[in-house]
């Protein structure tokens, strides 16, 4: 939606799409083809994500560093990412990026990032290691919820520090509704 709106206003659209072990750069252009190429890359990278492939430790920070290298000063940078991706290195890159660009931060979370399902004992296995979690344990549930709240607070603090726009998104609601809600909350009240 944002890309189509940008094209309608005769702005250029491009992007940097990254996954666990890959990244693609779509040069900004004023064309539908550029936007469609960006959307196609988003879909392809998303489909190529696998849990069994070891991910780059900080793919987000690396992508932000690359963005700093290729972006022109004064660009509008819309950062859409997993809320859990904010590392110290990524935070530093966002800080550096904000000095020469306008940032809009759109961290995406899922309700499961904030509350464990009450499913009882769950077993997880990865590369030979196993982990058992009792999702009914109140201490575990509290600690998990606190981690989610801490992630949100970190994004809010960063946005305040950098003086940039922050619009947390959730997989739980439709994007259009979230945008409408956010924009209505920011609209000044009309006086009679």
C-alpha atoms as a PDB file:
ATOM      1  CA  UNK A   1       0.000   0.000   0.000  1.00  0.00           C
ATOM      2  CA  UNK A   2       2.763   2.417   0.903  1.00  0.00           C
ATOM      3  CA  UNK A   3       4.601   1.658  -2.336  1.00  0.00           C
ATOM      4  CA  UNK A   4       1.520   2.269  -4.476  1.00  0.00           C
ATOM      5  CA  UNK A   5       0.860   5.540  -2.642  1.00  0.00           C
ATOM      6  CA  UNK A   6       4.461   6.624  -3.246  1.00  0.00           C
ATOM      7  CA  UNK A   7       4.124   5.949  -6.977  1.00  0.00           C
ATOM      8  CA  UNK A   8       0.865   7.915  -7.052  1.00  0.00           C
ATOM      9  CA  UNK A   9       2.802  10.891  -5.653  1.00  0.00           C
ATOM     10  CA  UNK A  10       5.508  10.433  -8.303  1.00  0.00           C
ATOM     11  CA  UNK A  11       8.059   9.262  -5.730  1.00  0.00           C
ATOM     12  CA  UNK A  12      10.620   6.565  -6.351  1.00  0.00           C
ATOM     13  CA  UNK A  13      10.212   3.137  -4.764  1.00  0.00           C
ATOM     14  CA  UNK A  14      13.021   0.734  -4.004  1.00  0.00           C
ATOM     15  CA  UNK A  15      14.121  -1.461  -1.182  1.00  0.00           C
ATOM     16  CA  UNK A  16      16.505  -3.791   0.491  1.00  0.00           C
ATOM     17  CA  UNK A  17      14.998  -7.201   1.184  1.00  0.00           C
ATOM     18  CA  UNK A  18      16.887  -9.550   3.464  1.00  0.00           C
ATOM     19  CA  UNK A  19      16.398 -12.996   4.884  1.00  0.00           C
ATOM     20  CA  UNK A  20      18.458 -15.270   7.073  1.00  0.00           C
ATOM     21  CA  UNK A  21      21.348 -15.652   4.642  1.00  0.00           C
ATOM     22  CA  UNK A  22      20.579 -13.437   1.644  1.00  0.00           C
ATOM     23  CA  UNK A  23      19.741  -9.910   0.653  1.00  0.00           C
ATOM     24  CA  UNK A  24      18.575  -8.149  -2.497  1.00  0.00           C
ATOM     25  CA  UNK A  25      18.655  -4.517  -3.483  1.00  0.00           C
ATOM     26  CA  UNK A  26      15.974  -3.026  -5.697  1.00  0.00           C
ATOM     27  CA  UNK A  27      17.111   0.363  -6.959  1.00  0.00           C
ATOM     28  CA  UNK A  28      14.573   3.165  -6.421  1.00  0.00           C
ATOM     29  CA  UNK A  29      12.611   4.016  -9.577  1.00  0.00           C
ATOM     30  CA  UNK A  30       9.311   5.648 -10.445  1.00  0.00           C
ATOM     31  CA  UNK A  31       7.798   2.529 -11.977  1.00  0.00           C
ATOM     32  CA  UNK A  32       5.330  -0.202 -11.220  1.00  0.00           C
ATOM     33  CA  UNK A  33       7.988  -2.701 -12.299  1.00  0.00           C
ATOM     34  CA  UNK A  34      10.271  -1.577  -9.482  1.00  0.00           C
ATOM     35  CA  UNK A  35       7.500  -1.991  -6.908  1.00  0.00           C
ATOM     36  CA  UNK A  36       6.473  -5.362  -8.334  1.00  0.00           C
ATOM     37  CA  UNK A  37      10.109  -6.498  -8.256  1.00  0.00           C
ATOM     38  CA  UNK A  38      10.302  -5.438  -4.585  1.00  0.00           C
ATOM     39  CA  UNK A  39       7.092  -7.318  -3.733  1.00  0.00           C
ATOM     40  CA  UNK A  40       8.286 -10.390  -5.648  1.00  0.00           C
ATOM     41  CA  UNK A  41      11.572 -10.417  -3.706  1.00  0.00           C
ATOM     42  CA  UNK A  42       9.690 -10.098  -0.410  1.00  0.00           C
ATOM     43  CA  UNK A  43       7.611 -13.157  -1.259  1.00  0.00           C
ATOM     44  CA  UNK A  44      10.585 -15.197  -2.482  1.00  0.00           C
ATOM     45  CA  UNK A  45      12.790 -14.419   0.515  1.00  0.00           C
ATOM     46  CA  UNK A  46       9.916 -15.191   2.886  1.00  0.00           C
ATOM     47  CA  UNK A  47       9.339 -18.547   1.184  1.00  0.00           C
ATOM     48  CA  UNK A  48      13.044 -19.408   1.408  1.00  0.00           C
ATOM     49  CA  UNK A  49      13.240 -19.019   5.198  1.00  0.00           C
ATOM     50  CA  UNK A  50      14.041 -22.338   6.879  1.00  0.00           C
ATOM     51  CA  UNK A  51      14.488 -23.203  10.517  1.00  0.00           C
ATOM     52  CA  UNK A  52      17.192 -25.785   9.851  1.00  0.00           C
ATOM     53  CA  UNK A  53      19.560 -23.344   8.121  1.00  0.00           C
ATOM     54  CA  UNK A  54      21.727 -21.421  10.594  1.00  0.00           C
ATOM     55  CA  UNK A  55      20.815 -17.765  10.226  1.00  0.00           C
ATOM     56  CA  UNK A  56      23.212 -14.856  10.031  1.00  0.00           C
ATOM     57  CA  UNK A  57      23.569 -13.713  13.637  1.00  0.00           C
ATOM     58  CA  UNK A  58      22.467 -10.165  12.843  1.00  0.00           C
ATOM     59  CA  UNK A  59      21.037 -10.063   9.328  1.00  0.00           C
ATOM     60  CA  UNK A  60      18.980  -6.999  10.299  1.00  0.00           C
ATOM     61  CA  UNK A  61      22.018  -5.000  11.434  1.00  0.00           C
ATOM     62  CA  UNK A  62      23.895  -6.019   8.283  1.00  0.00           C
ATOM     63  CA  UNK A  63      20.971  -4.938   6.086  1.00  0.00           C
ATOM     64  CA  UNK A  64      20.750  -1.582   7.865  1.00  0.00           C
ATOM     65  CA  UNK A  65      24.477  -1.016   7.408  1.00  0.00           C
ATOM     66  CA  UNK A  66      24.081  -1.710   3.681  1.00  0.00           C
ATOM     67  CA  UNK A  67      21.094   0.656   3.532  1.00  0.00           C
ATOM     68  CA  UNK A  68      23.266   3.412   4.988  1.00  0.00           C
ATOM     69  CA  UNK A  69      25.798   2.823   2.228  1.00  0.00           C
ATOM     70  CA  UNK A  70      23.324   3.071  -0.664  1.00  0.00           C
ATOM     71  CA  UNK A  71      20.661   5.546   0.491  1.00  0.00           C
ATOM     72  CA  UNK A  72      20.724   9.164  -0.535  1.00  0.00           C
ATOM     73  CA  UNK A  73      20.510  11.724   2.268  1.00  0.00           C
ATOM     74  CA  UNK A  74      16.931  12.861   2.851  1.00  0.00           C
ATOM     75  CA  UNK A  75      15.384   9.541   1.811  1.00  0.00           C
ATOM     76  CA  UNK A  76      12.287   8.257   3.554  1.00  0.00           C
ATOM     77  CA  UNK A  77      13.209   4.869   5.001  1.00  0.00           C
ATOM     78  CA  UNK A  78      10.386   2.568   6.044  1.00  0.00           C
ATOM     79  CA  UNK A  79      11.790  -0.189   8.235  1.00  0.00           C
ATOM     80  CA  UNK A  80       9.465  -3.197   8.354  1.00  0.00           C
ATOM     81  CA  UNK A  81      10.953  -6.003  10.418  1.00  0.00           C
ATOM     82  CA  UNK A  82      10.342  -8.619  13.057  1.00  0.00           C
ATOM     83  CA  UNK A  83      10.073  -6.922  16.439  1.00  0.00           C
ATOM     84  CA  UNK A  84      12.597  -9.447  17.806  1.00  0.00           C
ATOM     85  CA  UNK A  85      15.294  -8.334  15.324  1.00  0.00           C
ATOM     86  CA  UNK A  86      16.425  -5.266  17.276  1.00  0.00           C
ATOM     87  CA  UNK A  87      19.980  -6.002  18.436  1.00  0.00           C
ATOM     88  CA  UNK A  88      22.510  -3.534  19.812  1.00  0.00           C
ATOM     89  CA  UNK A  89      24.208  -3.414  16.391  1.00  0.00           C
ATOM     90  CA  UNK A  90      20.888  -2.841  14.598  1.00  0.00           C
ATOM     91  CA  UNK A  91      20.014  -0.085  17.059  1.00  0.00           C
ATOM     92  CA  UNK A  92      23.344   1.612  16.342  1.00  0.00           C
ATOM     93  CA  UNK A  93      22.756   1.346  12.575  1.00  0.00           C
ATOM     94  CA  UNK A  94      19.266   2.852  12.943  1.00  0.00           C
ATOM     95  CA  UNK A  95      20.761   5.703  14.941  1.00  0.00           C
ATOM     96  CA  UNK A  96      23.313   6.394  12.203  1.00  0.00           C
ATOM     97  CA  UNK A  97      20.655   6.051   9.498  1.00  0.00           C
ATOM     98  CA  UNK A  98      18.366   8.543  11.239  1.00  0.00           C
ATOM     99  CA  UNK A  99      21.001  11.278  10.947  1.00  0.00           C
ATOM    100  CA  UNK A 100      20.592  11.511   7.165  1.00  0.00           C
ATOM    101  CA  UNK A 101      17.179   9.947   6.492  1.00  0.00           C
ATOM    102  CA  UNK A 102      13.600  10.168   7.687  1.00  0.00           C
ATOM    103  CA  UNK A 103      12.704   6.917   9.434  1.00  0.00           C
ATOM    104  CA  UNK A 104       9.383   5.185   9.929  1.00  0.00           C
ATOM    105  CA  UNK A 105       9.780   2.120  12.154  1.00  0.00           C
ATOM    106  CA  UNK A 106       7.246  -0.685  11.683  1.00  0.00           C
ATOM    107  CA  UNK A 107       8.226  -3.550  13.988  1.00  0.00           C
ATOM    108  CA  UNK A 108       5.926  -6.531  13.472  1.00  0.00           C
ATOM    109  CA  UNK A 109       4.940  -8.802  16.346  1.00  0.00           C
ATOM    110  CA  UNK A 110       2.688 -11.781  16.850  1.00  0.00           C
ATOM    111  CA  UNK A 111       0.479 -12.447  19.894  1.00  0.00           C
ATOM    112  CA  UNK A 112       2.611 -15.561  20.523  1.00  0.00           C
ATOM    113  CA  UNK A 113       5.586 -13.211  21.018  1.00  0.00           C
ATOM    114  CA  UNK A 114       3.867 -11.930  24.161  1.00  0.00           C
ATOM    115  CA  UNK A 115       1.955 -14.854  25.642  1.00  0.00           C
ATOM    116  CA  UNK A 116       2.729 -18.551  25.640  1.00  0.00           C
ATOM    117  CA  UNK A 117      -0.206 -20.783  24.772  1.00  0.00           C
ATOM    118  CA  UNK A 118      -1.417 -22.813  27.756  1.00  0.00           C
ATOM    119  CA  UNK A 119      -0.498 -26.086  26.060  1.00  0.00           C
ATOM    120  CA  UNK A 120       1.172 -27.906  28.945  1.00  0.00           C
ATOM    121  CA  UNK A 121       4.530 -29.597  28.432  1.00  0.00           C
ATOM    122  CA  UNK A 122       6.140 -28.826  25.052  1.00  0.00           C
ATOM    123  CA  UNK A 123       9.305 -30.380  23.647  1.00  0.00           C
ATOM    124  CA  UNK A 124      11.584 -28.607  21.190  1.00  0.00           C
ATOM    125  CA  UNK A 125      14.541 -30.093  19.334  1.00  0.00           C
ATOM    126  CA  UNK A 126      17.191 -28.384  17.241  1.00  0.00           C
ATOM    127  CA  UNK A 127      20.467 -29.844  15.973  1.00  0.00           C
ATOM    128  CA  UNK A 128      20.474 -32.624  18.538  1.00  0.00           C
ATOM    129  CA  UNK A 129      19.623 -30.436  21.531  1.00  0.00           C
ATOM    130  CA  UNK A 130      16.271 -30.798  23.275  1.00  0.00           C
ATOM    131  CA  UNK A 131      14.312 -28.452  25.475  1.00  0.00           C
ATOM    132  CA  UNK A 132      11.157 -29.041  27.493  1.00  0.00           C
ATOM    133  CA  UNK A 133       8.920 -26.183  28.589  1.00  0.00           C
ATOM    134  CA  UNK A 134       5.920 -26.367  30.856  1.00  0.00           C
ATOM    135  CA  UNK A 135       3.742 -23.631  29.397  1.00  0.00           C
ATOM    136  CA  UNK A 136       1.443 -23.840  32.432  1.00  0.00           C
ATOM    137  CA  UNK A 137       4.262 -22.729  34.760  1.00  0.00           C
ATOM    138  CA  UNK A 138       3.260 -19.229  35.985  1.00  0.00           C
ATOM    139  CA  UNK A 139       6.885 -18.062  36.403  1.00  0.00           C
ATOM    140  CA  UNK A 140       7.762 -19.088  32.856  1.00  0.00           C
ATOM    141  CA  UNK A 141       4.632 -17.376  31.508  1.00  0.00           C
ATOM    142  CA  UNK A 142       5.443 -14.184  33.440  1.00  0.00           C
ATOM    143  CA  UNK A 143       9.067 -14.135  32.256  1.00  0.00           C
ATOM    144  CA  UNK A 144       7.998 -14.747  28.656  1.00  0.00           C
ATOM    145  CA  UNK A 145       5.411 -11.946  28.798  1.00  0.00           C
ATOM    146  CA  UNK A 146       8.024  -9.627  30.337  1.00  0.00           C
ATOM    147  CA  UNK A 147      10.433 -10.339  27.473  1.00  0.00           C
ATOM    148  CA  UNK A 148       7.735  -9.293  24.999  1.00  0.00           C
ATOM    149  CA  UNK A 149       6.998  -6.120  26.947  1.00  0.00           C
ATOM    150  CA  UNK A 150      10.727  -5.335  27.144  1.00  0.00           C
ATOM    151  CA  UNK A 151      11.062  -5.669  23.351  1.00  0.00           C
ATOM    152  CA  UNK A 152       8.183  -3.233  22.805  1.00  0.00           C
ATOM    153  CA  UNK A 153       9.609  -0.791  25.336  1.00  0.00           C
ATOM    154  CA  UNK A 154      13.012  -0.933  23.635  1.00  0.00           C
ATOM    155  CA  UNK A 155      11.450   0.057  20.297  1.00  0.00           C
ATOM    156  CA  UNK A 156       9.531   2.898  21.960  1.00  0.00           C
ATOM    157  CA  UNK A 157      12.640   4.185  23.713  1.00  0.00           C
ATOM    158  CA  UNK A 158      14.636   4.035  20.476  1.00  0.00           C
ATOM    159  CA  UNK A 159      11.970   5.954  18.543  1.00  0.00           C
ATOM    160  CA  UNK A 160      11.880   8.645  21.237  1.00  0.00           C
ATOM    161  CA  UNK A 161      15.668   8.886  21.339  1.00  0.00           C
ATOM    162  CA  UNK A 162      15.929   9.181  17.542  1.00  0.00           C
ATOM    163  CA  UNK A 163      12.778  11.327  17.278  1.00  0.00           C
ATOM    164  CA  UNK A 164      11.345   9.117  14.562  1.00  0.00           C
ATOM    165  CA  UNK A 165       7.903   7.690  13.928  1.00  0.00           C
ATOM    166  CA  UNK A 166       7.093   4.291  15.410  1.00  0.00           C
ATOM    167  CA  UNK A 167       4.075   2.258  14.405  1.00  0.00           C
ATOM    168  CA  UNK A 168       4.126  -1.214  15.947  1.00  0.00           C
ATOM    169  CA  UNK A 169       2.195  -3.708  13.824  1.00  0.00           C
ATOM    170  CA  UNK A 170       0.658  -7.026  14.807  1.00  0.00           C
ATOM    171  CA  UNK A 171      -0.123 -10.142  12.808  1.00  0.00           C
ATOM    172  CA  UNK A 172      -3.344 -10.308  14.814  1.00  0.00           C
ATOM    173  CA  UNK A 173      -5.099  -7.471  12.939  1.00  0.00           C
ATOM    174  CA  UNK A 174      -5.518  -6.350   9.337  1.00  0.00           C
ATOM    175  CA  UNK A 175      -2.870  -3.883   8.197  1.00  0.00           C
ATOM    176  CA  UNK A 176      -5.437  -1.417   6.820  1.00  0.00           C
ATOM    177  CA  UNK A 177      -7.246  -1.304  10.159  1.00  0.00           C
ATOM    178  CA  UNK A 178      -3.995  -0.759  12.052  1.00  0.00           C
ATOM    179  CA  UNK A 179      -3.018   2.077   9.697  1.00  0.00           C
ATOM    180  CA  UNK A 180      -6.450   3.671  10.017  1.00  0.00           C
ATOM    181  CA  UNK A 181      -6.335   3.427  13.812  1.00  0.00           C
ATOM    182  CA  UNK A 182      -2.838   4.921  13.952  1.00  0.00           C
ATOM    183  CA  UNK A 183      -3.642   7.784  11.587  1.00  0.00           C
ATOM    184  CA  UNK A 184      -6.903   8.623  13.366  1.00  0.00           C
ATOM    185  CA  UNK A 185      -5.069   8.779  16.699  1.00  0.00           C
ATOM    186  CA  UNK A 186      -2.531  11.217  15.200  1.00  0.00           C
ATOM    187  CA  UNK A 187      -5.135  13.461  13.552  1.00  0.00           C
ATOM    188  CA  UNK A 188      -5.616  16.779  15.372  1.00  0.00           C
ATOM    189  CA  UNK A 189      -8.993  17.323  16.998  1.00  0.00           C
ATOM    190  CA  UNK A 190     -11.176  19.793  15.067  1.00  0.00           C
ATOM    191  CA  UNK A 191     -12.344  22.757  17.069  1.00  0.00           C
ATOM    192  CA  UNK A 192     -15.700  24.402  16.506  1.00  0.00           C
END
